[in-house]
Amino acid sequence: MATTAEKRRAYDGPILLSGGFRPFFLFGAVWAAIAVALWLPMWEGHLVLPTIFPALDWHVHELLYGYLPAAAAGFLLTAVPNWTGRLPVVGTPLAALVAIWAAGRLAIALSAWIGAPLAAAIDLAFLVALIGLIAREVIAGRNWRNLRVLALLGLLLAGNAAFHFEVMRDGHAVIGTRIGLAAAVLLVSVIGGRIVPSFTANWLRNRAPGFMPIPFGRFDGAVIVVSALALAAWIAAPDHRATAVALIVAGLAQAARLARWAGWRTGAEALLLVLHVAYLSLPLGFLLLGAANLGLPLAPSAALHAWTIGAVGLMTLAVMTRASLGHTGRAMHAGRGLKVIYVGAGVALIARIAVGFGWAEFALLHVAVLGWLVAFVGFVGIYWTILARPRA
């Protein structure tokens, strides 16, 4: 009987469909660039899409519920077979899943023409299909500890449904935005909390002796619980003083967690350092949001963009660049091109947070958009040949 590895090698279809990370990382990054490139002229009133979503809501939705699920799908469809020992989804089923995701992007953009209910159904179908697929693999492989990832995907689906409902009822989305952000933060906290210390420890073992990352334990679990409770309070009562205190406590706990992973020892390898910098956006977002809710002179948007650009943008970019190299047999090292990509995302993060402090809004928004485009257009430019060609 053929082994799992032999069955994987037996696939002879299009290379782009030989692993979930290939199409979803590539097309997700393309969409991340397009969505932000379109957002700026929409914000300035130079472009109107035939969507029922207001410009700001479309911008939020297409990053939280368009780009993020694609990046998550690329990671999970590659990781789950390693977790469960089962075959990956490749070929026609993978192409169908990509098509469902792409149809959702088109449906949202044309929702004023096709109607809000149909657009919502098409858009929600992707997360439903992804959850069903991952659930099947986790259950068949009896990999019960990863049910928590399924729960977070379910939270993302609930947030997307709430987003659509609010837009149809009120013309804009509030609760759906907060649920989506909470799901994004918790996904990074759970998955990032697994891979960042693990990758760091593997790299440091071949270096000089010194402080090593502390593996996942009760402290990490407690931080995730505290963060989830703070986010739940924020969803339900965002302006309450107790919520602000909970957010600050969660931010300090997340910062302490990050400090246990020896990030200061990774400066020689940008491929690792960027993971720690990206994770720093989690405690930063908690602390900024708590400070804004206590009345300090900054807008909540500073905190929210720490999460969206840092956790949704920079962290997924860090994972995509590293995973794509590893799973295609390339050297695990960040060259000059990757460093430019990371700097672009970092500039976008800093500029957008600065806007929340009331500094040069018009200029800094353009700087943030330019930094984001450098990052994601750069990723597509460097990685499309890697993702569309055979393993090295």
Protein backbone atom coordinates (compact mmCIF):
# COMPACT_ATOMS: atom_id res chain seq x y z
CA MET A 1 0.00 0.00 0.00
CA ALA A 2 1.28 3.48 -0.94
CA THR A 3 2.31 5.76 1.90
CA THR A 4 0.84 9.22 2.44
CA ALA A 5 4.04 10.82 1.14
CA GLU A 6 3.93 8.63 -1.98
CA LYS A 7 0.33 9.59 -2.62
CA ARG A 8 1.25 13.26 -2.32
CA ARG A 9 4.06 12.84 -4.84
CA ALA A 10 1.69 11.00 -7.19
CA TYR A 11 -0.26 14.22 -7.87
CA ASP A 12 0.46 15.32 -11.46
CA GLY A 13 -1.96 18.20 -11.99
CA PRO A 14 -1.23 21.95 -12.15
CA ILE A 15 1.52 22.93 -9.72
CA LEU A 16 -0.55 25.86 -8.44
CA LEU A 17 -3.16 23.36 -7.20
CA SER A 18 -0.69 20.95 -5.57
CA GLY A 19 -1.03 22.54 -2.11
CA GLY A 20 -3.46 24.89 -0.42
CA PHE A 21 -0.80 27.48 0.35
CA ARG A 22 0.00 28.02 -3.33
CA PRO A 23 -3.26 29.54 -4.70
CA PHE A 24 -4.51 31.06 -1.45
CA PHE A 25 -1.27 32.83 -0.55
CA LEU A 26 -0.85 34.11 -4.11
CA PHE A 27 -4.42 35.22 -4.83
CA GLY A 28 -4.94 36.40 -1.26
CA ALA A 29 -1.94 38.72 -1.58
CA VAL A 30 -3.18 39.94 -4.97
CA TRP A 31 -6.53 40.79 -3.40
CA ALA A 32 -4.92 42.48 -0.37
CA ALA A 33 -3.11 44.81 -2.78
CA ILE A 34 -6.14 45.44 -4.99
CA ALA A 35 -8.51 46.08 -2.09
CA VAL A 36 -6.25 48.73 -0.53
CA ALA A 37 -5.37 50.28 -3.92
CA LEU A 38 -9.11 50.72 -4.58
CA TRP A 39 -9.84 51.93 -1.06
CA LEU A 40 -7.87 55.17 -1.28
CA PRO A 41 -9.72 56.57 -4.35
CA MET A 42 -12.99 55.36 -2.78
CA TRP A 43 -12.18 57.25 0.43
CA GLU A 44 -11.32 60.37 -1.59
CA GLY A 45 -14.54 60.12 -3.61
CA HIS A 46 -12.90 59.39 -6.96
CA LEU A 47 -14.21 55.84 -7.32
CA VAL A 48 -17.58 54.21 -6.63
CA LEU A 49 -18.07 50.44 -6.78
CA PRO A 50 -21.53 48.93 -7.39
CA THR A 51 -21.65 47.57 -3.83
CA ILE A 52 -24.25 48.11 -1.14
CA PHE A 53 -21.43 48.51 1.38
CA PRO A 54 -20.34 52.04 2.30
CA ALA A 55 -16.71 52.65 1.28
CA LEU A 56 -15.33 52.19 4.79
CA ASP A 57 -17.33 49.02 5.41
CA TRP A 58 -16.22 47.56 2.08
CA HIS A 59 -12.60 48.30 3.03
CA VAL A 60 -12.98 46.64 6.43
CA HIS A 61 -14.91 43.66 5.09
CA GLU A 62 -12.53 42.83 2.27
CA LEU A 63 -9.53 42.71 4.58
CA LEU A 64 -11.17 40.96 7.54
CA TYR A 65 -13.49 38.63 5.62
CA GLY A 66 -11.83 38.58 2.21
CA TYR A 67 -8.06 38.53 2.63
CA LEU A 68 -7.76 37.01 6.12
CA PRO A 69 -9.81 33.85 5.33
CA ALA A 70 -7.68 33.29 2.22
CA ALA A 71 -4.45 33.53 4.21
CA ALA A 72 -5.92 31.29 6.93
CA ALA A 73 -7.04 28.75 4.33
CA GLY A 74 -3.58 28.63 2.78
CA PHE A 75 -2.00 28.00 6.18
CA LEU A 76 -4.56 25.50 7.47
CA LEU A 77 -4.88 23.45 4.27
CA THR A 78 -1.11 22.97 4.48
CA ALA A 79 -0.81 22.49 8.23
CA VAL A 80 -3.79 20.22 8.89
CA PRO A 81 -2.40 17.26 6.86
CA ASN A 82 0.76 17.50 8.98
CA TRP A 83 -1.35 17.60 12.17
CA THR A 84 -3.60 14.68 11.17
CA GLY A 85 -1.45 12.55 8.84
CA ARG A 86 -4.17 12.71 6.18
CA LEU A 87 -3.82 13.66 2.52
CA PRO A 88 -3.97 17.36 1.60
CA VAL A 89 -6.69 18.87 -0.56
CA VAL A 90 -5.31 19.27 -4.08
CA GLY A 91 -6.48 19.49 -7.68
CA THR A 92 -10.14 19.99 -8.52
CA PRO A 93 -11.45 20.24 -4.92
CA LEU A 94 -8.84 22.92 -4.18
CA ALA A 95 -9.72 24.78 -7.38
CA ALA A 96 -13.39 24.71 -6.37
CA LEU A 97 -12.57 26.16 -2.97
CA VAL A 98 -10.53 28.97 -4.57
CA ALA A 99 -13.41 29.66 -6.97
CA ILE A 100 -15.87 29.96 -4.08
CA TRP A 101 -13.58 32.48 -2.37
CA ALA A 102 -13.13 34.51 -5.57
CA ALA A 103 -16.89 34.47 -6.20
CA GLY A 104 -17.38 36.04 -2.77
CA ARG A 105 -15.05 38.92 -3.64
CA LEU A 106 -16.92 39.55 -6.88
CA ALA A 107 -20.33 39.23 -5.22
CA ILE A 108 -19.49 41.87 -2.59
CA ALA A 109 -18.16 44.28 -5.22
CA LEU A 110 -21.33 43.85 -7.33
CA SER A 111 -23.83 43.48 -4.47
CA ALA A 112 -25.82 46.56 -5.53
CA TRP A 113 -26.53 44.78 -8.82
CA ILE A 114 -27.15 41.23 -7.63
CA GLY A 115 -28.81 42.07 -4.30
CA ALA A 116 -27.58 41.94 -0.72
CA PRO A 117 -29.03 38.51 0.25
CA LEU A 118 -27.46 36.72 -2.74
CA ALA A 119 -24.14 38.50 -2.22
CA ALA A 120 -24.15 37.48 1.45
CA ALA A 121 -24.92 33.83 0.60
CA ILE A 122 -22.10 33.65 -1.95
CA ASP A 123 -19.63 35.35 0.39
CA LEU A 124 -20.49 33.22 3.44
CA ALA A 125 -20.20 30.01 1.40
CA PHE A 126 -16.40 30.06 1.51
CA LEU A 127 -16.04 30.01 5.29
CA VAL A 128 -18.79 27.39 5.53
CA ALA A 129 -16.93 25.18 3.04
CA LEU A 130 -13.55 25.74 4.71
CA ILE A 131 -14.92 24.96 8.18
CA GLY A 132 -16.60 21.81 6.89
CA LEU A 133 -13.40 20.66 5.21
CA ILE A 134 -11.15 21.34 8.20
CA ALA A 135 -13.71 19.74 10.56
CA ARG A 136 -13.77 16.59 8.44
CA GLU A 137 -9.98 16.32 8.56
CA VAL A 138 -9.64 17.09 12.28
CA ILE A 139 -12.36 14.60 13.23
CA ALA A 140 -11.13 11.86 10.87
CA GLY A 141 -7.60 12.33 12.17
CA ARG A 142 -8.82 12.50 15.81
CA ASN A 143 -6.75 15.66 16.20
CA TRP A 144 -8.97 17.05 18.96
CA ARG A 145 -6.70 19.79 20.25
CA ASN A 146 -7.09 21.69 16.99
CA LEU A 147 -10.84 22.01 17.46
CA ARG A 148 -10.00 25.42 18.97
CA VAL A 149 -8.95 26.59 15.49
CA LEU A 150 -12.32 25.44 14.17
CA ALA A 151 -14.05 27.41 16.92
CA LEU A 152 -12.19 30.56 15.85
CA LEU A 153 -13.11 30.00 12.20
CA GLY A 154 -16.69 29.66 13.42
CA LEU A 155 -16.34 33.00 15.20
CA LEU A 156 -15.08 34.55 11.96
CA LEU A 157 -18.08 33.10 10.12
CA ALA A 158 -20.46 34.48 12.76
CA GLY A 159 -18.83 37.89 12.47
CA ASN A 160 -19.19 37.87 8.69
CA ALA A 161 -22.87 36.94 8.96
CA ALA A 162 -23.40 39.72 11.50
CA PHE A 163 -21.58 42.14 9.19
CA HIS A 164 -23.93 41.37 6.30
CA PHE A 165 -27.01 41.57 8.53
CA GLU A 166 -26.01 44.96 9.93
CA VAL A 167 -25.31 46.41 6.48
CA MET A 168 -28.68 45.22 5.22
CA ARG A 169 -30.49 46.50 8.33
CA ASP A 170 -28.59 49.66 9.27
CA GLY A 171 -26.49 50.54 6.24
CA HIS A 172 -23.21 49.98 8.09
CA ALA A 173 -21.58 47.34 10.32
CA VAL A 174 -20.34 47.76 13.91
CA ILE A 175 -20.72 44.48 15.79
CA GLY A 176 -19.62 42.47 12.76
CA THR A 177 -16.43 44.50 12.59
CA ARG A 178 -15.62 43.94 16.25
CA ILE A 179 -16.31 40.21 16.03
CA GLY A 180 -14.06 39.89 12.99
CA LEU A 181 -11.25 41.77 14.69
CA ALA A 182 -11.61 39.63 17.81
CA ALA A 183 -11.45 36.46 15.72
CA ALA A 184 -8.34 37.75 13.92
CA VAL A 185 -6.58 38.60 17.18
CA LEU A 186 -7.39 35.22 18.70
CA LEU A 187 -6.30 33.33 15.57
CA VAL A 188 -2.92 35.06 15.72
CA SER A 189 -2.73 34.47 19.47
CA VAL A 190 -3.43 30.74 19.10
CA ILE A 191 -1.55 29.93 15.88
CA GLY A 192 1.19 32.54 16.31
CA GLY A 193 1.64 31.36 19.90
CA ARG A 194 2.42 27.92 18.50
CA ILE A 195 4.68 28.71 15.56
CA VAL A 196 6.66 31.76 16.73
CA PRO A 197 8.37 30.12 19.74
CA SER A 198 8.71 26.82 17.85
CA PHE A 199 10.42 28.32 14.80
CA THR A 200 12.59 30.48 17.06
CA ALA A 201 13.70 27.52 19.19
CA ASN A 202 14.53 25.44 16.10
CA TRP A 203 16.72 28.22 14.73
CA LEU A 204 18.45 29.04 18.03
CA ARG A 205 19.43 25.44 18.74
CA ASN A 206 22.12 25.72 16.09
CA ARG A 207 23.44 29.00 17.50
CA ALA A 208 25.36 29.96 20.61
CA PRO A 209 23.83 28.87 23.94
CA GLY A 210 21.54 31.35 25.62
CA PHE A 211 17.95 32.04 26.59
CA MET A 212 15.52 29.80 24.70
CA PRO A 213 11.80 30.34 24.02
CA ILE A 214 9.55 28.93 26.72
CA PRO A 215 7.20 26.36 25.16
CA PHE A 216 3.42 26.56 25.41
CA GLY A 217 2.14 26.02 28.91
CA ARG A 218 -0.49 27.10 31.41
CA PHE A 219 0.65 30.71 31.25
CA ASP A 220 0.00 30.83 27.50
CA GLY A 221 -3.42 29.29 27.95
CA ALA A 222 -4.26 31.83 30.64
CA VAL A 223 -3.17 34.72 28.39
CA ILE A 224 -5.43 33.48 25.60
CA VAL A 225 -8.37 33.21 28.02
CA VAL A 226 -7.75 36.70 29.42
CA SER A 227 -7.50 38.08 25.89
CA ALA A 228 -10.71 36.35 24.83
CA LEU A 229 -12.58 37.74 27.85
CA ALA A 230 -11.29 41.25 27.16
CA LEU A 231 -12.34 40.99 23.52
CA ALA A 232 -15.78 39.68 24.51
CA ALA A 233 -16.21 42.68 26.81
CA TRP A 234 -15.13 44.98 23.99
CA ILE A 235 -17.66 43.46 21.60
CA ALA A 236 -20.49 43.79 24.12
CA ALA A 237 -19.58 47.08 25.86
CA PRO A 238 -16.75 48.83 24.00
CA ASP A 239 -16.97 52.12 25.92
CA HIS A 240 -17.27 50.75 29.46
CA ARG A 241 -14.42 51.60 31.85
CA ALA A 242 -14.16 47.98 32.98
CA THR A 243 -13.62 46.98 29.34
CA ALA A 244 -10.73 49.44 29.09
CA VAL A 245 -9.10 47.92 32.17
CA ALA A 246 -9.60 44.39 30.79
CA LEU A 247 -7.99 45.40 27.48
CA ILE A 248 -4.95 46.85 29.25
CA VAL A 249 -4.56 43.72 31.40
CA ALA A 250 -4.75 41.57 28.27
CA GLY A 251 -2.17 43.78 26.54
CA LEU A 252 0.27 43.46 29.41
CA ALA A 253 -0.27 39.70 29.52
CA GLN A 254 0.34 39.40 25.77
CA ALA A 255 3.51 41.49 26.08
CA ALA A 256 4.77 39.23 28.86
CA ARG A 257 4.01 36.19 26.71
CA LEU A 258 5.99 37.62 23.78
CA ALA A 259 8.94 38.41 26.06
CA ARG A 260 9.24 34.67 26.85
CA TRP A 261 10.07 33.82 23.20
CA ALA A 262 13.63 35.25 22.91
CA GLY A 263 12.78 37.55 20.04
CA TRP A 264 15.80 39.76 20.79
CA ARG A 265 18.06 36.88 19.72
CA THR A 266 16.63 36.68 16.18
CA GLY A 267 18.05 39.91 14.76
CA ALA A 268 20.37 38.02 12.41
CA GLU A 269 17.44 36.47 10.50
CA ALA A 270 14.66 38.78 9.31
CA LEU A 271 12.49 35.75 8.49
CA LEU A 272 12.23 35.10 12.24
CA LEU A 273 12.48 38.63 13.59
CA VAL A 274 9.43 39.72 11.60
CA LEU A 275 7.29 37.10 13.38
CA HIS A 276 8.12 38.66 16.74
CA VAL A 277 7.58 42.21 15.46
CA ALA A 278 4.22 41.19 13.98
CA TYR A 279 3.12 39.52 17.21
CA LEU A 280 4.01 42.73 19.07
CA SER A 281 1.01 44.32 17.32
CA LEU A 282 -1.30 42.24 19.54
CA PRO A 283 -0.31 43.70 22.93
CA LEU A 284 0.12 47.11 21.27
CA GLY A 285 -3.46 47.00 19.98
CA PHE A 286 -4.85 45.97 23.36
CA LEU A 287 -2.95 48.74 25.17
CA LEU A 288 -3.83 51.46 22.66
CA LEU A 289 -7.51 50.50 22.64
CA GLY A 290 -7.64 50.45 26.43
CA ALA A 291 -5.91 53.84 26.58
CA ALA A 292 -8.34 55.35 24.04
CA ASN A 293 -11.31 54.03 26.02
CA LEU A 294 -9.92 55.66 29.17
CA GLY A 295 -9.98 59.02 27.42
CA LEU A 296 -6.35 59.45 26.42
CA PRO A 297 -5.81 61.66 23.34
CA LEU A 298 -5.82 59.05 20.58
CA ALA A 299 -8.50 57.58 18.35
CA PRO A 300 -9.51 53.91 18.66
CA SER A 301 -8.50 53.56 15.00
CA ALA A 302 -4.85 53.58 16.14
CA ALA A 303 -5.45 50.37 18.07
CA LEU A 304 -7.64 48.78 15.42
CA HIS A 305 -5.03 49.35 12.74
CA ALA A 306 -2.33 47.96 15.02
CA TRP A 307 -4.36 44.76 14.81
CA THR A 308 -5.41 44.90 11.16
CA ILE A 309 -2.07 45.95 9.67
CA GLY A 310 0.07 44.21 12.29
CA ALA A 311 -1.81 40.98 12.99
CA VAL A 312 -3.86 40.59 9.81
CA GLY A 313 -1.23 42.11 7.51
CA LEU A 314 2.32 41.73 8.79
CA MET A 315 1.83 38.44 10.64
CA THR A 316 0.15 36.72 7.69
CA LEU A 317 2.82 38.13 5.39
CA ALA A 318 5.52 36.77 7.71
CA VAL A 319 3.90 33.34 7.76
CA MET A 320 3.27 33.29 4.00
CA THR A 321 6.85 34.23 3.11
CA ARG A 322 8.31 31.63 5.47
CA ALA A 323 5.87 28.80 4.70
CA SER A 324 6.16 29.28 0.95
CA LEU A 325 9.95 28.94 1.12
CA GLY A 326 9.82 25.91 3.39
CA HIS A 327 7.15 23.99 1.48
CA THR A 328 8.79 24.56 -1.90
CA GLY A 329 12.25 23.48 -0.81
CA ARG A 330 13.88 26.93 -0.86
CA ALA A 331 16.47 28.23 1.57
CA MET A 332 14.92 29.58 4.78
CA HIS A 333 16.54 32.98 4.61
CA ALA A 334 15.21 36.49 3.98
CA GLY A 335 17.05 38.18 1.13
CA ARG A 336 16.94 41.85 0.25
CA GLY A 337 13.55 41.59 -1.47
CA LEU A 338 11.86 40.08 1.57
CA LYS A 339 13.36 42.70 3.82
CA VAL A 340 11.87 45.42 1.60
CA ILE A 341 8.48 43.71 1.87
CA TYR A 342 8.68 43.63 5.66
CA VAL A 343 9.80 47.25 5.86
CA GLY A 344 6.90 48.28 3.63
CA ALA A 345 4.39 46.62 5.94
CA GLY A 346 6.13 48.13 8.97
CA VAL A 347 5.92 51.61 7.47
CA ALA A 348 2.21 51.09 6.81
CA LEU A 349 1.72 50.00 10.42
CA ILE A 350 3.54 52.98 11.94
CA ALA A 351 1.95 55.52 9.60
CA ARG A 352 -1.59 54.28 10.21
CA ILE A 353 -1.15 54.22 14.00
CA ALA A 354 0.21 57.78 13.81
CA VAL A 355 -2.99 58.90 12.08
CA GLY A 356 -4.86 57.79 15.22
CA PHE A 357 -2.84 60.34 17.18
CA GLY A 358 -4.06 63.11 14.87
CA TRP A 359 -0.82 63.55 12.95
CA ALA A 360 -0.97 64.64 9.26
CA GLU A 361 -3.91 62.39 8.38
CA PHE A 362 -3.97 62.95 4.62
CA ALA A 363 -0.23 62.48 4.09
CA LEU A 364 0.13 59.53 6.45
CA LEU A 365 -2.82 57.68 4.94
CA HIS A 366 -1.08 57.85 1.59
CA VAL A 367 2.18 56.68 3.18
CA ALA A 368 0.33 53.76 4.81
CA VAL A 369 -1.27 52.73 1.52
CA LEU A 370 2.08 52.96 -0.27
CA GLY A 371 3.77 50.84 2.40
CA TRP A 372 1.03 48.22 2.20
CA LEU A 373 1.31 48.06 -1.60
CA VAL A 374 5.09 47.72 -1.42
CA ALA A 375 4.56 44.76 0.89
CA PHE A 376 1.87 42.86 -1.00
CA VAL A 377 2.76 43.77 -4.57
CA GLY A 378 6.32 42.88 -3.59
CA PHE A 379 5.16 39.51 -2.26
CA VAL A 380 3.32 38.75 -5.51
CA GLY A 381 6.28 39.87 -7.59
CA ILE A 382 8.75 37.66 -5.73
CA TYR A 383 6.58 34.66 -4.94
CA TRP A 384 4.39 34.03 -7.95
CA THR A 385 7.16 32.03 -9.64
CA ILE A 386 7.87 30.15 -6.41
CA LEU A 387 4.21 29.27 -5.88
CA ALA A 388 3.45 28.40 -9.51
CA ARG A 389 6.53 26.27 -10.15
CA PRO A 390 7.57 22.82 -8.88
CA ARG A 391 9.35 22.29 -5.60
CA ALA A 392 13.04 23.16 -5.81
